[in-house]
Amino acid sequence: MFIKMKNTIVFALFLLLVGTACSDYNKIVKSTDYEFKYKKALEYYEAGEYVRSSQLLSELVNIYRGTSRADEVYYYYAKSHFGSRDYLMAGHWFRTLVKDFPKSKYAEESQYMIGYCHYLDSPKPRLDQQVTQKAIDALQLYMNLYPNSDRVEEANRLIIEMRDKLVYKSFLSGKLYYDLEDYKAAVVALTNSLKEFPDTKYREELMFMLLRAKYLLAIRSVEEKKEERLTDALDEYFTFVDEFPESGYRKEAEKFYAETAKLLNYNEEANL
């Protein structure tokens, strides 16, 4: 009985505190003392109450626009959105700060955060990767503008990660074409991927898939295109084994080579 009464009292006190906090917050929202409101917005921000801080700052960005404090208000407004994981809005306000106040003391961090927000918003590889490309572009711009920054190493790491995601997206596209037995489209997709991302960690697998796609495209071609495509597949085999002589795909690649060479010899004999 005592424990139940104690729990009831604790719950009642909790409701009282919540009600008081809400009441205090509503008074702040209605206040026309903007300095006081800004001070409380920063207090909410420091306390990790990002939704409340961003709600207060949403009014203050207009109030302080054109003043010496505008860039600071923009900065904390962006950071509040970031804290509440609204990376789209955070990136927008970091970008606005950089555009309107390129010489602000917050400009360098904001430029980095533009890219970092896109990075955090980057979708899974199977989805459209426009945001991923935006992350790469923004982070590369940051590195160009601030080559001596302590964040350059981290920015470079994120770019490499994002580039690999783009490669993997391309890899999945090539694999999709392969699974659909559209080997001509697979060859185009895989070739473009290797040209655009020559240093990717998926290089060996991409090159093997390209070899396999060229081989299957060749053996299924009409007669007037078969010899040219068989030769292309043979060239791809030599390129692959030259770069990856110890590849785990070597045994299967040798089968492609043997069949391709056999068909080419047959074609040469038929032309005699």
Protein backbone atom coordinates (compact mmCIF):
# COMPACT_ATOMS: atom_id res chain seq x y z
CA MET A 1 0.00 0.00 0.00
CA PHE A 2 2.82 2.36 0.95
CA ILE A 3 4.75 1.56 -2.26
CA LYS A 4 1.65 2.18 -4.38
CA MET A 5 1.07 5.54 -2.66
CA LYS A 6 4.73 6.47 -3.12
CA ASN A 7 4.56 5.68 -6.85
CA THR A 8 1.42 7.78 -7.16
CA ILE A 9 3.13 10.74 -5.49
CA VAL A 10 6.21 10.40 -7.72
CA PHE A 11 4.02 10.29 -10.82
CA ALA A 12 2.06 13.33 -9.65
CA LEU A 13 5.28 15.25 -9.07
CA PHE A 14 6.49 14.24 -12.53
CA LEU A 15 3.31 15.55 -14.11
CA LEU A 16 3.66 18.75 -12.12
CA LEU A 17 7.23 19.24 -13.32
CA VAL A 18 6.28 18.52 -16.92
CA GLY A 19 3.36 20.92 -16.68
CA THR A 20 5.56 23.60 -15.17
CA ALA A 21 8.22 23.08 -17.86
CA CYS A 22 5.61 23.32 -20.60
CA SER A 23 4.17 26.41 -19.02
CA ASP A 24 7.62 28.02 -18.80
CA TYR A 25 8.35 27.11 -22.40
CA ASN A 26 5.05 28.57 -23.60
CA LYS A 27 5.90 31.82 -21.83
CA ILE A 28 9.24 31.90 -23.64
CA VAL A 29 7.55 31.28 -26.99
CA LYS A 30 5.12 34.15 -26.41
CA SER A 31 7.82 36.52 -25.14
CA THR A 32 8.80 39.52 -27.24
CA ASP A 33 12.11 39.83 -25.40
CA TYR A 34 14.24 38.41 -28.20
CA GLU A 35 17.49 38.53 -26.26
CA PHE A 36 15.87 36.48 -23.51
CA LYS A 37 14.37 34.12 -26.09
CA TYR A 38 17.75 33.67 -27.78
CA LYS A 39 19.42 32.96 -24.44
CA LYS A 40 16.82 30.29 -23.64
CA ALA A 41 17.18 28.79 -27.14
CA LEU A 42 20.89 28.29 -26.49
CA GLU A 43 20.16 26.81 -23.08
CA TYR A 44 17.78 24.31 -24.67
CA TYR A 45 20.41 23.55 -27.29
CA GLU A 46 23.12 22.92 -24.69
CA ALA A 47 20.70 20.70 -22.75
CA GLY A 48 20.08 18.60 -25.85
CA GLU A 49 16.48 19.77 -26.25
CA TYR A 50 16.93 20.39 -29.95
CA VAL A 51 13.28 20.54 -30.96
CA ARG A 52 12.59 23.36 -28.51
CA SER A 53 15.74 25.24 -29.44
CA SER A 54 14.95 24.99 -33.16
CA GLN A 55 11.37 26.15 -32.59
CA LEU A 56 12.59 29.26 -30.80
CA LEU A 57 15.33 29.92 -33.35
CA SER A 58 12.92 29.55 -36.28
CA GLU A 59 11.46 32.93 -35.28
CA LEU A 60 14.81 34.48 -34.39
CA VAL A 61 16.47 33.81 -37.77
CA ASN A 62 14.10 36.42 -39.21
CA ILE A 63 14.39 38.79 -36.26
CA TYR A 64 18.20 38.84 -36.36
CA ARG A 65 18.58 38.75 -40.13
CA GLY A 66 20.77 41.65 -41.20
CA THR A 67 22.37 42.05 -37.77
CA SER A 68 25.88 41.18 -36.57
CA ARG A 69 24.51 38.12 -34.79
CA ALA A 70 22.68 36.62 -37.78
CA ASP A 71 25.38 34.09 -38.65
CA GLU A 72 25.44 32.81 -35.06
CA VAL A 73 21.66 32.39 -35.05
CA TYR A 74 21.83 30.54 -38.37
CA TYR A 75 24.57 28.33 -36.96
CA TYR A 76 22.65 27.24 -33.88
CA TYR A 77 19.46 26.86 -35.88
CA ALA A 78 21.30 24.49 -38.23
CA LYS A 79 22.92 22.67 -35.30
CA SER A 80 19.54 22.27 -33.59
CA HIS A 81 18.10 20.62 -36.70
CA PHE A 82 21.19 18.45 -36.86
CA GLY A 83 20.76 17.46 -33.22
CA SER A 84 17.18 16.38 -33.90
CA ARG A 85 18.44 14.40 -36.94
CA ASP A 86 16.67 16.55 -39.50
CA TYR A 87 19.70 16.50 -41.79
CA LEU A 88 17.84 17.98 -44.75
CA MET A 89 16.96 21.18 -42.87
CA ALA A 90 20.32 21.26 -41.10
CA GLY A 91 22.13 21.11 -44.43
CA HIS A 92 19.90 23.86 -45.83
CA TRP A 93 20.75 26.26 -43.00
CA PHE A 94 24.46 25.43 -43.01
CA ARG A 95 24.39 26.16 -46.75
CA THR A 96 22.49 29.43 -46.15
CA LEU A 97 25.07 30.49 -43.58
CA VAL A 98 27.97 29.84 -45.95
CA LYS A 99 26.21 31.66 -48.77
CA ASP A 100 25.21 34.73 -46.73
CA PHE A 101 28.28 34.88 -44.46
CA PRO A 102 31.29 33.38 -46.29
CA LYS A 103 33.72 35.08 -43.88
CA SER A 104 31.91 34.06 -40.71
CA LYS A 105 33.83 32.21 -38.02
CA TYR A 106 31.24 29.47 -38.49
CA ALA A 107 31.76 29.21 -42.26
CA GLU A 108 34.43 26.51 -42.23
CA GLU A 109 32.53 24.13 -39.96
CA SER A 110 29.31 24.86 -41.83
CA GLN A 111 30.91 23.99 -45.16
CA TYR A 112 31.98 20.64 -43.74
CA MET A 113 28.56 20.04 -42.21
CA ILE A 114 26.85 20.54 -45.57
CA GLY A 115 28.67 17.50 -46.86
CA TYR A 116 28.29 15.60 -43.61
CA CYS A 117 24.51 16.13 -43.58
CA HIS A 118 24.30 14.75 -47.13
CA TYR A 119 26.49 11.85 -46.01
CA LEU A 120 24.11 10.99 -43.17
CA ASP A 121 21.14 11.29 -45.55
CA SER A 122 22.76 9.07 -48.16
CA PRO A 123 20.44 6.12 -48.89
CA LYS A 124 21.22 2.44 -49.30
CA PRO A 125 23.13 1.54 -52.50
CA ARG A 126 20.09 0.08 -54.27
CA LEU A 127 18.31 3.46 -54.16
CA ASP A 128 18.95 6.64 -56.15
CA GLN A 129 22.35 8.10 -55.22
CA GLN A 130 21.92 11.81 -56.01
CA VAL A 131 22.34 12.70 -52.32
CA THR A 132 25.51 10.59 -52.18
CA GLN A 133 26.98 12.56 -55.08
CA LYS A 134 26.03 15.81 -53.33
CA ALA A 135 27.90 14.60 -50.25
CA ILE A 136 31.01 13.91 -52.33
CA ASP A 137 30.84 17.28 -54.08
CA ALA A 138 30.35 19.23 -50.85
CA LEU A 139 33.13 17.43 -48.99
CA GLN A 140 35.50 17.85 -51.94
CA LEU A 141 34.71 21.56 -52.00
CA TYR A 142 35.44 21.73 -48.29
CA MET A 143 38.84 20.07 -48.83
CA ASN A 144 39.63 22.50 -51.64
CA LEU A 145 38.69 25.52 -49.53
CA TYR A 146 40.34 24.37 -46.32
CA PRO A 147 43.24 22.07 -47.29
CA ASN A 148 44.95 22.52 -43.91
CA SER A 149 41.90 21.77 -41.79
CA ASP A 150 41.95 19.04 -39.17
CA ARG A 151 38.79 17.67 -40.80
CA VAL A 152 40.43 16.99 -44.18
CA GLU A 153 41.41 13.44 -43.29
CA GLU A 154 37.89 12.62 -42.13
CA ALA A 155 36.36 14.33 -45.19
CA ASN A 156 38.59 12.26 -47.45
CA ARG A 157 37.57 9.06 -45.65
CA LEU A 158 33.90 9.90 -46.13
CA ILE A 159 34.44 10.65 -49.81
CA ILE A 160 36.10 7.28 -50.33
CA GLU A 161 33.19 5.59 -48.55
CA MET A 162 30.66 7.45 -50.69
CA ARG A 163 32.53 6.70 -53.90
CA ASP A 164 32.51 3.02 -53.02
CA LYS A 165 28.78 3.24 -52.51
CA LEU A 166 28.41 4.69 -56.00
CA VAL A 167 30.56 1.90 -57.37
CA TYR A 168 28.47 -0.67 -55.55
CA LYS A 169 25.34 0.93 -57.00
CA SER A 170 26.89 0.60 -60.44
CA PHE A 171 27.90 -2.97 -59.61
CA LEU A 172 24.32 -3.78 -58.62
CA SER A 173 23.08 -2.23 -61.87
CA GLY A 174 25.49 -4.35 -63.86
CA LYS A 175 24.49 -7.44 -61.91
CA LEU A 176 20.83 -6.66 -62.50
CA TYR A 177 21.43 -6.50 -66.25
CA TYR A 178 23.39 -9.75 -66.01
CA ASP A 179 20.61 -11.49 -64.07
CA LEU A 180 18.16 -10.30 -66.72
CA GLU A 181 20.54 -11.72 -69.35
CA ASP A 182 20.93 -8.28 -70.91
CA TYR A 183 24.68 -8.74 -71.34
CA LYS A 184 25.13 -5.81 -73.71
CA ALA A 185 23.76 -3.40 -71.08
CA ALA A 186 25.80 -5.17 -68.38
CA VAL A 187 29.01 -4.62 -70.36
CA VAL A 188 28.25 -0.91 -70.71
CA ALA A 189 27.39 -0.46 -67.01
CA LEU A 190 30.42 -2.39 -65.74
CA THR A 191 32.83 -0.68 -68.15
CA ASN A 192 31.60 2.75 -67.09
CA SER A 193 31.93 1.81 -63.44
CA LEU A 194 35.56 0.75 -63.85
CA LYS A 195 36.40 3.89 -65.84
CA GLU A 196 34.84 6.19 -63.28
CA PHE A 197 36.16 4.37 -60.21
CA PRO A 198 39.41 2.63 -61.21
CA ASP A 199 40.66 2.28 -57.63
CA THR A 200 37.54 0.73 -56.13
CA LYS A 201 37.83 -2.17 -53.70
CA TYR A 202 35.31 -4.00 -55.93
CA ARG A 203 37.66 -3.85 -58.91
CA GLU A 204 38.45 -7.57 -59.09
CA GLU A 205 34.80 -8.60 -58.91
CA LEU A 206 33.74 -5.92 -61.39
CA MET A 207 36.42 -6.99 -63.85
CA PHE A 208 35.42 -10.63 -63.57
CA MET A 209 31.76 -9.78 -64.10
CA LEU A 210 32.76 -7.74 -67.15
CA LEU A 211 34.71 -10.69 -68.53
CA ARG A 212 31.81 -13.03 -67.94
CA ALA A 213 29.31 -10.61 -69.48
CA LYS A 214 31.48 -10.15 -72.58
CA TYR A 215 31.91 -13.91 -72.92
CA LEU A 216 28.17 -14.60 -72.66
CA LEU A 217 27.36 -11.69 -74.99
CA ALA A 218 29.80 -13.09 -77.55
CA ILE A 219 28.62 -16.71 -77.58
CA ARG A 220 25.00 -15.58 -77.91
CA SER A 221 25.65 -13.05 -80.66
CA VAL A 222 24.51 -13.27 -84.26
CA GLU A 223 27.21 -14.61 -86.57
CA GLU A 224 28.25 -11.27 -88.08
CA LYS A 225 29.08 -9.89 -84.58
CA LYS A 226 30.31 -13.04 -82.91
CA GLU A 227 33.97 -12.97 -83.95
CA GLU A 228 34.48 -9.34 -82.92
CA ARG A 229 32.85 -9.96 -79.55
CA LEU A 230 34.76 -13.20 -78.98
CA THR A 231 38.00 -11.30 -79.59
CA ASP A 232 36.88 -8.63 -77.16
CA ALA A 233 36.13 -11.30 -74.55
CA LEU A 234 39.55 -12.85 -75.12
CA ASP A 235 41.23 -9.48 -74.64
CA GLU A 236 39.25 -9.02 -71.43
CA TYR A 237 40.49 -12.38 -70.19
CA PHE A 238 44.14 -11.38 -70.67
CA THR A 239 43.50 -8.04 -68.95
CA PHE A 240 41.89 -9.78 -65.99
CA VAL A 241 44.53 -12.50 -65.43
CA ASP A 242 47.34 -9.99 -65.92
CA GLU A 243 45.98 -7.81 -63.10
CA PHE A 244 44.72 -10.63 -60.86
CA PRO A 245 46.84 -13.72 -61.58
CA GLU A 246 45.96 -15.30 -58.22
CA SER A 247 42.25 -14.48 -58.35
CA GLY A 248 39.73 -16.88 -56.89
CA TYR A 249 37.87 -16.46 -60.19
CA ARG A 250 40.86 -17.71 -62.21
CA LYS A 251 39.53 -21.24 -62.72
CA GLU A 252 36.23 -20.01 -64.15
CA ALA A 253 38.02 -17.40 -66.24
CA GLU A 254 40.16 -20.18 -67.77
CA LYS A 255 36.99 -21.94 -68.89
CA PHE A 256 35.87 -18.76 -70.65
CA TYR A 257 39.26 -18.51 -72.29
CA ALA A 258 39.26 -22.12 -73.52
CA GLU A 259 35.78 -21.89 -74.99
CA THR A 260 36.46 -18.48 -76.55
CA ALA A 261 39.74 -19.62 -78.11
CA LYS A 262 38.06 -22.75 -79.42
CA LEU A 263 35.26 -20.77 -81.06
CA LEU A 264 37.71 -18.30 -82.59
CA ASN A 265 39.80 -21.12 -84.06
CA TYR A 266 36.67 -22.68 -85.45
CA ASN A 267 35.67 -19.37 -87.03
CA GLU A 268 39.15 -18.93 -88.53
CA GLU A 269 39.05 -22.43 -90.03
CA ALA A 270 35.57 -21.80 -91.43
CA ASN A 271 36.85 -18.67 -93.18
CA LEU A 272 39.72 -20.50 -94.91
